[in-house]
N, C-alpha and C. Protein backbone atom coordinates (compact mmCIF):
# COMPACT_ATOMS: atom_id res chain seq x y z
N MET A 1 0.76 -1.32 0.10
CA MET A 1 0.19 -0.17 0.01
C MET A 1 0.85 1.48 0.13
N GLU A 2 0.80 2.32 -1.10
CA GLU A 2 1.30 3.75 -1.14
C GLU A 2 0.47 4.68 0.11
N LYS A 3 1.56 5.09 0.58
CA LYS A 3 1.51 6.01 1.78
C LYS A 3 0.46 7.32 0.96
N GLU A 4 0.65 7.88 -0.24
CA GLU A 4 0.20 8.90 -0.58
C GLU A 4 -1.15 8.36 -1.42
N THR A 5 -1.38 7.32 -1.38
CA THR A 5 -2.53 6.45 -2.16
C THR A 5 -3.62 6.39 -1.07
N PHE A 6 -3.04 6.13 0.50
CA PHE A 6 -3.73 5.76 1.32
C PHE A 6 -4.19 7.53 2.19
N ILE A 7 -3.29 8.54 2.16
CA ILE A 7 -3.73 9.98 2.32
C ILE A 7 -5.00 10.43 1.65
N ASN A 8 -4.83 9.84 0.42
CA ASN A 8 -5.88 10.34 -0.56
C ASN A 8 -7.01 9.88 -0.43
N HIS A 9 -7.16 8.53 0.20
CA HIS A 9 -8.27 8.09 0.48
C HIS A 9 -9.12 8.34 1.61
N ILE A 10 -8.18 8.99 2.95
CA ILE A 10 -8.31 9.61 3.98
C ILE A 10 -9.05 10.84 3.41
N ALA A 11 -8.06 11.78 2.74
CA ALA A 11 -8.68 12.97 2.24
C ALA A 11 -10.20 13.06 1.60
N ASN A 12 -10.32 11.88 0.86
CA ASN A 12 -11.51 11.66 0.21
C ASN A 12 -12.80 11.48 1.16
N GLN A 13 -12.59 11.49 2.55
CA GLN A 13 -13.48 11.23 3.43
C GLN A 13 -14.16 12.45 4.20
N PHE A 14 -13.19 13.43 3.70
CA PHE A 14 -13.80 15.17 3.86
C PHE A 14 -14.12 15.79 3.08
N ASP A 15 -15.12 15.98 2.94
CA ASP A 15 -16.04 16.96 1.78
C ASP A 15 -15.50 18.27 1.34
N GLU A 16 -15.36 19.07 2.54
CA GLU A 16 -14.76 20.35 2.43
C GLU A 16 -13.72 20.78 2.72
N THR A 17 -12.85 20.17 3.27
CA THR A 17 -11.41 20.27 3.37
C THR A 17 -10.53 20.12 2.40
N ASP A 18 -9.68 20.98 2.05
CA ASP A 18 -8.77 21.14 0.75
C ASP A 18 -7.57 20.15 1.06
N ILE A 19 -7.58 19.59 -0.25
CA ILE A 19 -6.68 18.10 -0.36
C ILE A 19 -5.50 18.51 -0.12
N SER A 20 -5.02 20.20 -0.10
CA SER A 20 -3.65 20.60 0.34
C SER A 20 -3.33 20.31 2.03
N GLU A 21 -4.45 19.67 2.80
CA GLU A 21 -4.23 20.49 4.34
C GLU A 21 -3.84 18.72 4.56
N PHE A 22 -3.86 17.32 3.80
CA PHE A 22 -3.58 16.25 4.08
C PHE A 22 -2.23 15.88 4.09
N ASN A 23 -1.38 15.35 4.77
CA ASN A 23 -0.20 14.92 4.61
C ASN A 23 0.09 13.87 5.77
N SER A 24 1.16 13.18 5.73
CA SER A 24 1.31 12.19 7.35
C SER A 24 1.29 13.16 8.60
N ASP A 25 1.65 14.25 8.56
CA ASP A 25 1.62 14.66 9.62
C ASP A 25 0.23 15.32 10.36
N THR A 26 -0.59 15.21 9.16
CA THR A 26 -2.00 15.74 9.52
C THR A 26 -2.64 15.12 10.87
N ILE A 27 -3.27 15.88 11.96
CA ILE A 27 -3.65 15.64 12.96
C ILE A 27 -5.46 15.57 12.58
N PHE A 28 -5.95 14.54 12.12
CA PHE A 28 -6.95 14.45 11.47
C PHE A 28 -8.24 15.20 12.45
N ARG A 29 -7.96 14.73 13.55
CA ARG A 29 -9.19 14.90 14.89
C ARG A 29 -9.02 16.52 14.86
N ASN A 30 -7.98 17.28 14.44
CA ASN A 30 -7.77 18.87 14.67
C ASN A 30 -8.56 19.50 12.98
N LEU A 31 -8.86 18.75 12.47
CA LEU A 31 -9.61 19.37 11.19
C LEU A 31 -11.01 19.76 11.64
N GLU A 32 -11.25 20.78 11.14
CA GLU A 32 -12.74 21.36 11.52
C GLU A 32 -13.77 20.70 10.85
N GLU A 33 -13.47 19.80 9.88
CA GLU A 33 -14.66 19.08 9.40
C GLU A 33 -14.95 17.91 10.46
N TRP A 34 -13.89 17.18 11.02
CA TRP A 34 -13.83 16.10 11.84
C TRP A 34 -15.28 15.92 12.44
N SER A 35 -15.68 15.01 12.60
CA SER A 35 -16.88 14.44 13.65
C SER A 35 -16.90 13.09 13.71
N SER A 36 -17.87 12.23 14.52
CA SER A 36 -18.05 11.05 14.70
C SER A 36 -18.33 10.71 13.22
N LEU A 37 -19.20 10.85 12.30
CA LEU A 37 -19.35 10.51 11.02
C LEU A 37 -18.16 10.52 10.40
N THR A 38 -17.59 11.13 10.56
CA THR A 38 -15.88 11.45 9.54
C THR A 38 -15.27 9.84 9.79
N ARG A 39 -15.17 9.70 11.18
CA ARG A 39 -14.23 8.67 11.85
C ARG A 39 -14.91 7.38 11.11
N LEU A 40 -16.10 7.25 11.19
CA LEU A 40 -16.89 6.17 10.94
C LEU A 40 -16.39 5.97 9.48
N ALA A 41 -16.63 6.56 8.39
CA ALA A 41 -16.59 6.76 7.05
C ALA A 41 -15.02 6.39 6.91
N ILE A 42 -14.16 6.78 7.73
CA ILE A 42 -12.62 6.59 7.67
C ILE A 42 -12.64 4.81 8.08
N VAL A 43 -13.30 4.17 9.18
CA VAL A 43 -13.15 2.98 9.41
C VAL A 43 -13.79 2.21 8.34
N ASN A 44 -14.73 2.37 7.74
CA ASN A 44 -15.36 1.58 6.68
C ASN A 44 -14.54 1.41 5.39
N MET A 45 -14.02 2.84 5.13
CA MET A 45 -13.04 3.01 3.92
C MET A 45 -12.18 1.87 4.29
N ILE A 46 -11.58 2.05 5.37
CA ILE A 46 -10.12 1.13 5.58
C ILE A 46 -10.60 -0.35 5.36
N GLU A 47 -11.89 -0.87 6.12
CA GLU A 47 -12.24 -1.89 6.15
C GLU A 47 -12.43 -2.44 4.40
N LYS A 48 -13.23 -1.89 3.69
CA LYS A 48 -13.52 -2.15 2.78
C LYS A 48 -11.94 -2.10 1.46
N LYS A 49 -11.39 -1.18 1.95
CA LYS A 49 -9.98 -0.93 0.51
C LYS A 49 -9.04 -1.73 1.37
N TYR A 50 -8.74 -2.03 2.49
CA TYR A 50 -7.82 -2.49 2.77
C TYR A 50 -7.91 -3.88 3.87
N ASP A 51 -9.11 -4.08 3.76
CA ASP A 51 -9.60 -5.17 4.55
C ASP A 51 -8.91 -5.54 5.63
N VAL A 52 -8.91 -4.40 6.37
CA VAL A 52 -8.54 -4.20 7.64
C VAL A 52 -9.58 -3.73 8.58
N LYS A 53 -9.99 -4.66 10.16
CA LYS A 53 -10.75 -3.90 11.10
C LYS A 53 -10.14 -3.05 11.74
N ILE A 54 -10.71 -1.56 11.89
CA ILE A 54 -9.93 -0.70 13.15
C ILE A 54 -11.29 -0.53 13.93
N ASN A 55 -10.89 -0.73 15.13
CA ASN A 55 -11.91 -0.35 16.14
C ASN A 55 -11.76 0.96 16.73
N ALA A 56 -12.64 1.27 17.90
CA ALA A 56 -12.53 2.81 18.43
C ALA A 56 -11.27 3.01 19.13
N ASP A 57 -10.93 2.17 19.82
CA ASP A 57 -9.44 2.03 20.63
C ASP A 57 -8.35 2.20 19.45
N ASP A 58 -8.39 1.76 18.31
CA ASP A 58 -7.01 1.85 17.53
C ASP A 58 -7.39 3.34 17.09
N MET A 59 -8.47 4.09 16.66
CA MET A 59 -8.38 5.19 16.55
C MET A 59 -8.18 6.33 17.73
N HIS A 60 -8.53 5.84 18.40
CA HIS A 60 -7.76 6.96 19.62
C HIS A 60 -6.05 6.86 20.11
N SER A 61 -5.80 5.73 19.38
CA SER A 61 -4.25 5.31 19.85
C SER A 61 -3.62 6.16 19.04
N VAL A 62 -4.00 6.65 17.57
CA VAL A 62 -3.29 7.04 16.91
C VAL A 62 -3.59 8.84 16.57
N LYS A 63 -2.80 9.80 16.30
CA LYS A 63 -3.11 10.87 16.27
C LYS A 63 -3.14 11.61 14.45
N THR A 64 -2.14 11.07 14.08
CA THR A 64 -1.99 11.72 12.60
C THR A 64 -2.37 10.63 11.46
N ILE A 65 -2.24 11.10 10.45
CA ILE A 65 -2.86 10.27 9.06
C ILE A 65 -1.60 9.06 8.76
N GLY A 66 -0.20 9.78 9.49
CA GLY A 66 1.07 8.64 9.20
C GLY A 66 0.64 7.48 9.98
N GLU A 67 0.45 7.76 11.22
CA GLU A 67 0.45 6.75 12.57
C GLU A 67 -0.82 5.88 11.87
N LEU A 68 -2.03 6.43 11.52
CA LEU A 68 -2.97 5.54 11.32
C LEU A 68 -2.54 4.80 9.83
N TYR A 69 -1.68 5.28 9.23
CA TYR A 69 -1.16 4.32 7.77
C TYR A 69 -0.15 3.31 8.50
N THR A 70 0.38 3.54 9.47
CA THR A 70 1.35 3.06 10.11
C THR A 70 0.41 1.51 10.67
N LEU A 71 -0.64 1.88 11.51
CA LEU A 71 -1.36 1.03 12.10
C LEU A 71 -1.72 -0.08 11.09
N VAL A 72 -2.59 0.47 10.26
CA VAL A 72 -3.41 -0.27 9.04
C VAL A 72 -2.14 -0.94 8.28
N ASN A 73 -1.01 -0.87 8.37
CA ASN A 73 -0.05 -1.64 7.49
C ASN A 73 0.17 -2.81 8.62
N LEU A 74 0.28 -2.65 9.99
CA LEU A 74 0.55 -3.56 10.81
C LEU A 74 -0.73 -4.49 10.77
N LYS A 75 -1.67 -4.17 10.72
CA LYS A 75 -2.88 -5.04 10.82
C LYS A 75 -3.19 -5.84 9.43
N HIS A 76 -2.82 -5.28 8.41
CA HIS A 76 -2.96 -5.60 6.78
C HIS A 76 -2.14 -7.15 7.25
């Protein structure tokens, strides 16, 4: 899995946030558009595209998109 592709998949879960806001160091929970629905969309996307199940504890354990990418790779 390529990191840039993963970042783009995360960015696609946010409708109003400009793509330039997304990189490995982005703290996704700090984005204005972040909500519980966005979290669910990300979890769902990860399960469908990467066949990896992420639970609430997993989501709370990571802060940045890069950390989430690493977690998904470890579980893949």
